[in-house]
Each structure stands twice: as structure tokens, then as C-alpha cells.
């Protein structure tokens, strides 16, 4: 299948698969799509290991890396703040609220040796001094694309990528963001509707995609949000997109590292079982609704903190919940959730990522043929 994006990236299918799991990235690339590794929680050392592994598995297959590059976050004026400084900025009211949630739901404490470092690297990696070492690692590998999932790519990144022949993509949740990315000189704009999992805006994919396509032409656009089968790919291309960006659909694949308790919730969820919540990162992100999101939306909630303070606030709590969530019916199980889009309602079985790709393209071909037959009937009438 040939589109501007398949030509640009040198792949067979215009399916870009975002995942934090290297196994999914490699499987999709090997199936003819284009895997994109979400690297915001990686250390530079971890990223180097994962990219080397992907290259070994795909034997030269095309893949990319995705980072969060927000313009607005706590400590932005200083280029970011370290984890210890972040912890010192956490208000007592929010800390007490998290402690109370864990107490009421009976979530066990972490063993002493696991308490240090629970904030992971998301705290530092949204800042320039945190993501630049990750970019150094990424550009030392054979990446074909670097994407900014949150915020416009800085000029230095655009220059570095283009000098290296690397495509730059940026996600946009509204027309203003898309126009800003286009003016900055990105190569591909991902128009992400509110149906999408993770950080997302308020405009539906059906409305957003053609709006962005018209505004940024001739820059190619990928459609994102609510896309998990071939009919939805056909709809995206009909709206003017040159391909699709999918994330949620890979969370129930065989390769996905999704927590088993959360994966089971995904398999039984409907499209109504998600919510845009600030409760994990401090910015609105669509995730599975659970007792955790209900607590943060409740009357007693003190409100979420800005990024990256909210991530620091809840990191250890999320670690504790994950460790205890396997017991069905437990408080931790009720609290457990993860980022996922409204397409979760059609994610009702576990499949290999390769099968997902091939079923998408088979169904797309069937739809395209049906459209062609309808056009032929009209012209021959």
C-alpha cells in the first residue's frame, strides 16, 4: 500500500504503532508496519539496550522513538528539576490524599528495597536536560523517526534530525497545535482525536483530521484516536490522512507488557469505560476508569498537581498498586488502571501484534474494494 508516509518511512503499511514495549515495536515493524518506542520512562542506558534489541530483531527494519517535549511543566524555566526537588514541592494535602486512598483500599506497603526510585525517569525526562541524553542515544542508532508526543519539537531537534535524515513527527490535539507544528517545520503531523489513549484534547478524530489536513497541506497527516481495525484505517484515509497512528490496540496483544490485571480489564471494558483524567501525569490523559480515577474526580479530591509533580506524587502509589493488583477483588485491583482509548471496547481478545497488523490491512483492502465496486457501478449506470 502506497502513501506519502509509506514512501517517507520506507515501509509497506501506513500503520505507525506506538508502544512502550520493545516487543510490540519489533513485531509491528517485522509485519510491515512501523513501530515507535515510547521512551519517556527510559534511562539512556535502558534505551540503548532496547534500541539495540529492536535492531537485532528486525534486522534493519524501520522504527522510531517517541518522547514527551512539553512547553509547560513545573520547572520549565530552569530546564527541569530533579526528582528530589520535585518531591519537596509536593503539597501535604495531595500527599495525605494519596496515603488515604491506599489506606482505605488496603494496598500493601512496598518492601524497603523497592521504595527508592519509584518516581522513575518521567520526572526528569520531560525537561530538556533529561530528554537530550535520550536523543543522543536515539541518534546513535538507526532510527527513522523521532516524535514529540506532547509539545512542539524544539528547533535544535528539528535541525539535528533533518541533518541525520530522520523524520520528525508531532502530535496535535487541535488545529492551533497542528499549525504550530507545521510552522516549526515538522515532517508529519499526527492529528489525535479525543478518543485516543494518553494525553489528548477534546476534539473528535472525525472532526479534527480533515481540519488539520486542510490547514497544513502539503505536510502529510496521520490520524490517531479510535483506530484499531481496517474500517477505521479506511475512514482515516477517506478524511485525507496518509496513514494512522495507533497505540491502544497493542495493549492487549501477546507481546504487550500490560499488567495482567489491567489487560483483563481492557478485554471486558466497553468504549464508555474511559475518562480524561489528570490523576497520573497532571495533564489530561485518557485512561481506563477505575476506583483511582473516581477518587481523583470525587468531591474530596484536592486536585491534581501540574506535570511532573503529579507523576512524582503518585509514582510509589502506582508501584504499590501494580504489585498487589493481581488479586481479583482486592483494593489494589479496583484501583489499577492504565492509559487507553475508547477503542478499548473492540479489544476483546489477545492476538499477536503481527496478526493485528495483517487483519487491519486485510479489512482495509476489503473496504477499498467495496468502494471501488460502488464507484464502478455508478460510472457504468
Protein backbone atom coordinates (compact mmCIF):
# COMPACT_ATOMS: atom_id res chain seq x y z
CA UNK A 1 0.00 0.00 0.00
CA UNK A 2 1.49 3.31 -1.08
CA UNK A 3 1.00 6.68 0.63
CA UNK A 4 3.22 9.70 1.26
CA UNK A 5 4.02 8.32 4.69
CA UNK A 6 4.94 4.81 3.50
CA UNK A 7 7.28 6.41 0.95
CA UNK A 8 8.75 8.74 3.56
CA UNK A 9 9.41 5.94 6.06
CA UNK A 10 10.15 3.12 3.64
CA UNK A 11 7.52 0.70 4.96
CA UNK A 12 4.83 -1.48 3.43
CA UNK A 13 1.81 -0.43 5.50
CA UNK A 14 0.88 3.08 6.77
CA UNK A 15 0.38 1.84 10.34
CA UNK A 16 2.55 3.51 12.98
CA UNK A 17 2.36 1.58 16.23
CA UNK A 18 3.18 3.48 19.41
CA UNK A 19 4.13 1.29 22.35
CA UNK A 20 6.27 1.40 25.49
CA UNK A 21 7.04 -2.27 24.83
CA UNK A 22 10.00 -3.04 22.58
CA UNK A 23 8.47 -6.43 21.69
CA UNK A 24 5.43 -4.74 20.17
CA UNK A 25 7.60 -2.25 18.27
CA UNK A 26 9.69 -5.02 16.74
CA UNK A 27 6.68 -7.22 15.92
CA UNK A 28 4.83 -4.45 14.09
CA UNK A 29 7.91 -3.43 12.11
CA UNK A 30 8.52 -7.06 11.12
CA UNK A 31 4.88 -7.31 9.99
CA UNK A 32 5.28 -4.42 7.55
CA UNK A 33 4.18 -1.53 9.74
CA UNK A 34 6.31 0.97 11.64
CA UNK A 35 6.93 0.55 15.36
CA UNK A 36 7.51 3.61 17.58
CA UNK A 37 9.01 3.10 21.03
CA UNK A 38 7.69 5.36 23.78
CA UNK A 39 10.91 6.23 25.60
CA UNK A 40 9.99 8.86 28.18
CA UNK A 41 10.41 6.45 31.11
CA UNK A 42 13.74 5.06 29.88
CA UNK A 43 17.17 5.86 31.20
CA UNK A 44 19.72 6.42 28.44
CA UNK A 45 21.23 3.02 29.30
CA UNK A 46 17.86 1.28 29.05
CA UNK A 47 17.09 3.00 25.78
CA UNK A 48 20.39 1.91 24.28
CA UNK A 49 19.67 -1.70 25.24
CA UNK A 50 16.13 -1.61 23.84
CA UNK A 51 17.07 0.04 20.54
CA UNK A 52 19.90 -2.42 20.03
CA UNK A 53 17.47 -5.27 20.68
CA UNK A 54 14.88 -3.86 18.23
CA UNK A 55 17.52 -3.54 15.53
CA UNK A 56 18.71 -7.08 16.13
CA UNK A 57 15.16 -8.45 15.99
CA UNK A 58 14.07 -6.50 12.92
CA UNK A 59 17.37 -6.86 11.01
CA UNK A 60 17.37 -3.35 9.67
CA UNK A 61 13.62 -2.76 9.89
CA UNK A 62 12.34 0.79 10.14
CA UNK A 63 11.30 2.14 13.54
CA UNK A 64 11.16 5.32 15.58
CA UNK A 65 11.29 6.82 19.07
CA UNK A 66 8.69 8.95 20.86
CA UNK A 67 9.33 11.44 23.70
CA UNK A 68 7.34 13.99 25.70
CA UNK A 69 8.58 17.53 24.98
CA UNK A 70 6.00 19.75 26.74
CA UNK A 71 6.45 23.51 26.68
CA UNK A 72 4.69 23.92 30.03
CA UNK A 73 5.65 21.96 33.12
CA UNK A 74 6.84 22.69 36.65
CA UNK A 75 10.45 23.85 36.46
CA UNK A 76 10.37 24.62 32.74
CA UNK A 77 12.09 27.96 33.22
CA UNK A 78 15.07 26.19 34.80
CA UNK A 79 15.25 23.47 32.16
CA UNK A 80 13.68 20.97 34.55
CA UNK A 81 14.09 19.97 38.17
CA UNK A 82 15.47 16.79 39.65
CA UNK A 83 13.45 14.17 41.50
CA UNK A 84 14.46 15.34 44.98
CA UNK A 85 13.46 18.93 44.20
CA UNK A 86 10.18 17.68 42.80
CA UNK A 87 9.41 15.76 45.99
CA UNK A 88 9.99 18.89 48.05
CA UNK A 89 7.35 20.72 46.01
CA UNK A 90 4.59 18.20 46.76
CA UNK A 91 1.85 19.79 48.90
CA UNK A 92 0.87 18.00 52.10
CA UNK A 93 -2.81 17.89 51.10
CA UNK A 94 -2.12 15.85 47.96
CA UNK A 95 0.31 13.55 49.77
CA UNK A 96 -2.24 12.91 52.50
CA UNK A 97 -4.94 12.25 49.90
CA UNK A 98 -2.84 9.57 48.19
CA UNK A 99 -1.97 7.98 51.54
CA UNK A 100 -5.65 7.89 52.47
CA UNK A 101 -6.61 6.19 49.18
CA UNK A 102 -4.02 3.49 49.72
CA UNK A 103 -5.09 3.00 53.33
CA UNK A 104 -8.80 2.69 52.55
CA UNK A 105 -8.20 0.23 49.73
CA UNK A 106 -5.78 -1.83 51.79
CA UNK A 107 -2.83 -1.53 49.39
CA UNK A 108 0.31 -3.07 50.96
CA UNK A 109 3.47 -1.09 51.51
CA UNK A 110 6.46 -1.65 49.24
CA UNK A 111 9.41 -3.60 50.59
CA UNK A 112 12.11 -1.21 51.78
CA UNK A 113 14.47 -2.04 48.92
CA UNK A 114 11.87 -1.03 46.31
CA UNK A 115 10.90 2.36 47.69
CA UNK A 116 13.81 4.38 46.32
CA UNK A 117 13.46 5.48 42.72
CA UNK A 118 9.74 4.82 42.33
CA UNK A 119 9.39 8.18 40.58
CA UNK A 120 11.21 6.65 37.59
CA UNK A 121 12.58 8.89 34.87
CA UNK A 122 9.42 10.60 33.71
CA UNK A 123 10.15 13.38 36.18
CA UNK A 124 13.39 14.44 34.55
CA UNK A 125 12.82 13.27 31.00
CA UNK A 126 10.15 15.83 30.14
CA UNK A 127 12.79 18.55 30.59
CA UNK A 128 15.49 19.41 28.07
CA UNK A 129 18.31 18.30 30.35
CA UNK A 130 16.52 14.97 30.72
CA UNK A 131 15.47 14.23 27.16
CA UNK A 132 18.67 15.38 25.45
CA UNK A 133 20.67 12.35 26.68
CA UNK A 134 17.86 10.16 25.35
CA UNK A 135 18.10 11.89 21.99
CA UNK A 136 21.87 11.32 21.98
CA UNK A 137 21.22 7.60 22.35
CA UNK A 138 18.43 7.57 19.77
CA UNK A 139 20.53 9.34 17.13
CA UNK A 140 23.39 6.94 17.76
CA UNK A 141 21.06 4.22 16.48
CA UNK A 142 19.41 3.71 13.11
CA UNK A 143 16.09 5.39 13.92
CA UNK A 144 13.94 6.59 11.04
CA UNK A 145 11.62 8.87 13.02
CA UNK A 146 11.53 10.86 16.24
CA UNK A 147 8.15 12.03 17.54
CA UNK A 148 7.11 14.62 20.08
CA UNK A 149 4.01 13.32 21.84
CA UNK A 150 3.43 16.45 23.88
CA UNK A 151 4.66 19.83 22.72
CA UNK A 152 6.30 21.24 19.62
CA UNK A 153 9.76 19.85 18.79
CA UNK A 154 12.45 22.45 19.61
CA UNK A 155 14.39 23.90 16.65
CA UNK A 156 17.56 22.13 17.75
CA UNK A 157 15.83 18.76 17.47
CA UNK A 158 14.44 19.55 14.03
CA UNK A 159 17.88 20.58 12.78
CA UNK A 160 19.60 17.56 14.26
CA UNK A 161 17.02 15.14 12.90
CA UNK A 162 16.96 16.59 9.41
CA UNK A 163 20.75 16.63 9.24
CA UNK A 164 20.64 12.92 10.05
CA UNK A 165 17.86 12.15 7.57
CA UNK A 166 15.41 11.36 10.38
CA UNK A 167 11.72 12.20 10.01
CA UNK A 168 10.20 14.40 12.73
CA UNK A 169 6.58 13.91 13.77
CA UNK A 170 4.48 15.78 16.34
CA UNK A 171 1.11 15.01 17.84
CA UNK A 172 -1.62 17.65 17.79
CA UNK A 173 -4.94 17.63 19.63
CA UNK A 174 -6.32 20.75 17.99
CA UNK A 175 -5.83 22.95 14.92
CA UNK A 176 -3.68 25.51 16.74
CA UNK A 177 -1.18 22.84 17.79
CA UNK A 178 -1.08 21.43 14.26
CA UNK A 179 -0.44 24.83 12.70
CA UNK A 180 2.31 25.50 15.24
CA UNK A 181 4.00 22.19 14.43
CA UNK A 182 3.71 22.86 10.71
CA UNK A 183 5.22 26.33 11.06
CA UNK A 184 8.11 24.81 13.02
CA UNK A 185 8.91 22.53 10.08
CA UNK A 186 7.90 19.03 11.22
CA UNK A 187 7.62 16.38 8.51
CA UNK A 188 4.48 14.60 9.73
CA UNK A 189 1.63 15.79 11.93
CA UNK A 190 -0.39 13.29 13.95
CA UNK A 191 -3.94 14.60 14.36
CA UNK A 192 -5.01 12.89 17.56
CA UNK A 193 -8.68 12.92 18.44
CA UNK A 194 -10.07 12.86 21.94
CA UNK A 195 -10.89 9.15 21.59
CA UNK A 196 -7.19 8.36 21.87
CA UNK A 197 -5.49 6.97 24.95
CA UNK A 198 -2.94 9.02 26.84
CA UNK A 199 -2.54 12.80 26.57
CA UNK A 200 -5.28 14.02 24.29
CA UNK A 201 -7.51 17.01 23.63
CA UNK A 202 -11.25 17.44 23.33
CA UNK A 203 -11.91 17.28 19.57
CA UNK A 204 -13.09 14.06 17.92
CA UNK A 205 -10.96 12.36 15.27
CA UNK A 206 -13.70 12.63 12.62
CA UNK A 207 -13.70 16.41 13.00
CA UNK A 208 -10.02 17.01 13.70
CA UNK A 209 -8.36 15.04 10.88
CA UNK A 210 -9.88 16.82 7.84
CA UNK A 211 -9.50 20.16 9.60
CA UNK A 212 -5.78 19.55 10.12
CA UNK A 213 -5.28 18.03 6.64
CA UNK A 214 -6.68 21.17 5.01
CA UNK A 215 -4.72 23.54 7.24
CA UNK A 216 -1.24 22.04 6.91
CA UNK A 217 -1.20 20.74 3.33
CA UNK A 218 1.05 19.53 1.77
CA UNK A 219 2.52 18.25 5.06
CA UNK A 220 1.24 14.67 5.47
CA UNK A 221 -1.08 13.88 8.36
CA UNK A 222 -1.57 10.69 10.33
CA UNK A 223 -4.91 10.06 12.00
CA UNK A 224 -4.96 8.92 15.63
CA UNK A 225 -7.70 8.20 18.13
CA UNK A 226 -10.24 5.40 17.89
CA UNK A 227 -8.35 3.43 15.24
CA UNK A 228 -7.95 -0.30 15.72
CA UNK A 229 -9.22 -2.05 12.59
CA UNK A 230 -9.20 -1.82 8.81
CA UNK A 231 -12.51 0.00 8.50
CA UNK A 232 -11.15 2.73 10.74
CA UNK A 233 -7.99 2.95 8.62
CA UNK A 234 -10.18 3.35 5.53
CA UNK A 235 -12.12 6.11 7.26
CA UNK A 236 -8.89 7.87 8.20
CA UNK A 237 -7.61 7.81 4.63
CA UNK A 238 -11.01 8.99 3.37
CA UNK A 239 -10.62 12.01 5.66
CA UNK A 240 -7.33 12.86 3.95
CA UNK A 241 -4.81 11.19 6.26
CA UNK A 242 -1.77 9.43 4.77
CA UNK A 243 -1.80 6.72 7.43
CA UNK A 244 -2.67 6.03 11.05
CA UNK A 245 -1.00 6.22 14.46
CA UNK A 246 -2.29 3.53 16.84
CA UNK A 247 -1.47 2.93 20.48
CA UNK A 248 -4.28 1.34 22.47
CA UNK A 249 -4.86 -1.64 20.19
CA UNK A 250 -1.41 -3.08 21.01
CA UNK A 251 -2.09 -3.17 24.77
CA UNK A 252 -3.92 -6.50 24.55
CA UNK A 253 -1.50 -8.19 22.17
CA UNK A 254 0.54 -11.21 23.17
CA UNK A 255 3.72 -9.14 23.20
CA UNK A 256 2.41 -6.28 25.34
CA UNK A 257 3.82 -5.75 28.82
CA UNK A 258 0.43 -4.58 30.11
CA UNK A 259 -0.16 -5.65 33.71
CA UNK A 260 -2.26 -8.85 33.60
CA UNK A 261 -4.97 -7.36 35.83
CA UNK A 262 -5.23 -4.27 33.64
CA UNK A 263 -5.17 -6.34 30.45
CA UNK A 264 -8.11 -8.34 31.75
CA UNK A 265 -9.98 -5.12 32.49
CA UNK A 266 -9.29 -3.95 28.94
CA UNK A 267 -10.68 -7.17 27.50
CA UNK A 268 -14.02 -6.70 29.26
CA UNK A 269 -14.30 -2.90 29.05
CA UNK A 270 -16.68 -1.00 26.79
CA UNK A 271 -15.98 2.21 24.92
CA UNK A 272 -17.72 4.08 27.75
CA UNK A 273 -15.23 2.88 30.36
CA UNK A 274 -12.53 5.51 29.81
CA UNK A 275 -12.07 9.01 31.18
CA UNK A 276 -9.79 12.00 30.58
CA UNK A 277 -8.05 12.46 33.90
CA UNK A 278 -5.08 14.38 35.29
CA UNK A 279 -4.63 11.80 38.04
CA UNK A 280 -1.49 10.11 36.67
CA UNK A 281 0.54 12.84 34.95
CA UNK A 282 -1.00 16.20 35.79
CA UNK A 283 -2.15 16.76 32.21
CA UNK A 284 -5.46 15.46 30.78
CA UNK A 285 -4.89 11.89 29.62
CA UNK A 286 -7.47 9.29 28.62
CA UNK A 287 -7.26 6.13 30.69
CA UNK A 288 -9.40 3.30 31.93
CA UNK A 289 -11.87 4.46 34.53
CA UNK A 290 -11.22 2.80 37.88
CA UNK A 291 -11.53 3.46 41.58
CA UNK A 292 -8.34 5.52 41.22
CA UNK A 293 -9.84 7.97 38.73
CA UNK A 294 -13.13 8.04 40.66
CA UNK A 295 -11.25 9.12 43.79
CA UNK A 296 -9.47 11.93 41.97
CA UNK A 297 -12.72 13.13 40.40
CA UNK A 298 -14.57 12.97 43.72
CA UNK A 299 -15.62 15.82 46.00
CA UNK A 300 -12.83 15.10 48.49
CA UNK A 301 -10.06 15.34 45.90
CA UNK A 302 -7.59 18.22 46.39
CA UNK A 303 -6.99 18.24 42.63
CA UNK A 304 -4.08 17.02 40.57
CA UNK A 305 -0.72 18.81 40.51
CA UNK A 306 0.96 20.06 37.30
CA UNK A 307 3.39 17.89 35.34
CA UNK A 308 5.77 16.47 36.52
CA UNK A 309 4.69 16.93 40.16
CA UNK A 310 1.66 14.66 39.83
CA UNK A 311 3.85 11.89 38.42
CA UNK A 312 6.16 12.22 41.41
CA UNK A 313 3.23 12.28 43.80
CA UNK A 314 1.66 9.05 42.56
CA UNK A 315 4.69 7.04 41.41
CA UNK A 316 5.17 4.99 44.55
CA UNK A 317 1.42 4.55 44.95
CA UNK A 318 1.13 3.20 41.40
CA UNK A 319 4.04 0.85 42.08
CA UNK A 320 2.29 -0.45 45.20
CA UNK A 321 -0.99 -0.87 43.32
CA UNK A 322 0.69 -2.78 40.48
CA UNK A 323 2.42 -5.18 42.86
CA UNK A 324 -0.87 -6.06 44.58
CA UNK A 325 -3.36 -5.79 41.71
CA UNK A 326 -3.20 -9.43 40.63
CA UNK A 327 -5.62 -10.47 43.39
CA UNK A 328 -9.08 -10.10 41.87
CA UNK A 329 -11.47 -8.16 44.06
CA UNK A 330 -8.68 -6.60 46.13
CA UNK A 331 -8.48 -2.86 46.70
CA UNK A 332 -5.39 -2.67 44.53
CA UNK A 333 -7.21 -4.46 41.73
CA UNK A 334 -10.04 -1.94 41.91
CA UNK A 335 -7.57 0.95 41.73
CA UNK A 336 -5.47 -0.47 38.88
CA UNK A 337 -5.74 1.26 35.52
CA UNK A 338 -3.67 2.50 32.58
CA UNK A 339 -3.85 4.82 29.60
CA UNK A 340 -6.20 3.53 26.90
CA UNK A 341 -8.51 5.00 24.28
CA UNK A 342 -12.19 4.47 23.58
CA UNK A 343 -11.24 1.78 21.07
CA UNK A 344 -10.85 -0.45 24.15
CA UNK A 345 -14.45 -1.50 23.51
CA UNK A 346 -13.36 -3.56 20.50
CA UNK A 347 -10.25 -5.00 22.19
CA UNK A 348 -11.92 -8.25 23.25
CA UNK A 349 -9.24 -10.87 22.62
CA UNK A 350 -5.49 -11.41 22.83
CA UNK A 351 -3.70 -11.69 19.49
CA UNK A 352 -0.11 -11.48 18.26
CA UNK A 353 0.78 -7.98 17.10
CA UNK A 354 1.56 -9.37 13.65
CA UNK A 355 -1.98 -10.71 13.40
CA UNK A 356 -3.41 -7.34 14.36
CA UNK A 357 -1.46 -5.66 11.54
CA UNK A 358 -2.46 -8.23 8.93
CA UNK A 359 -6.12 -8.24 9.96
CA UNK A 360 -6.16 -4.44 9.77
CA UNK A 361 -4.78 -4.43 6.26
CA UNK A 362 -7.00 -7.28 5.07
CA UNK A 363 -10.10 -5.48 6.28
CA UNK A 364 -8.87 -2.22 4.78
CA UNK A 365 -8.41 -3.95 1.40
CA UNK A 366 -11.94 -5.30 1.59
CA UNK A 367 -13.34 -1.83 2.26
CA UNK A 368 -11.28 -0.30 -0.53
CA UNK A 369 -12.54 -2.94 -2.93
CA UNK A 370 -16.12 -2.29 -1.90
CA UNK A 371 -15.65 1.43 -2.53
CA UNK A 372 -14.10 0.69 -5.93
CA UNK A 373 -17.01 -1.58 -6.86
CA UNK A 374 -19.52 1.06 -5.85
CA UNK A 375 -17.76 3.68 -7.97
CA UNK A 376 -17.66 1.25 -10.92
CA UNK A 377 -21.38 0.61 -10.62
CA UNK A 378 -22.14 4.33 -10.59
CA UNK A 379 -19.99 5.10 -13.63
CA UNK A 380 -21.41 2.22 -15.63
CA UNK A 381 -25.05 3.05 -14.83
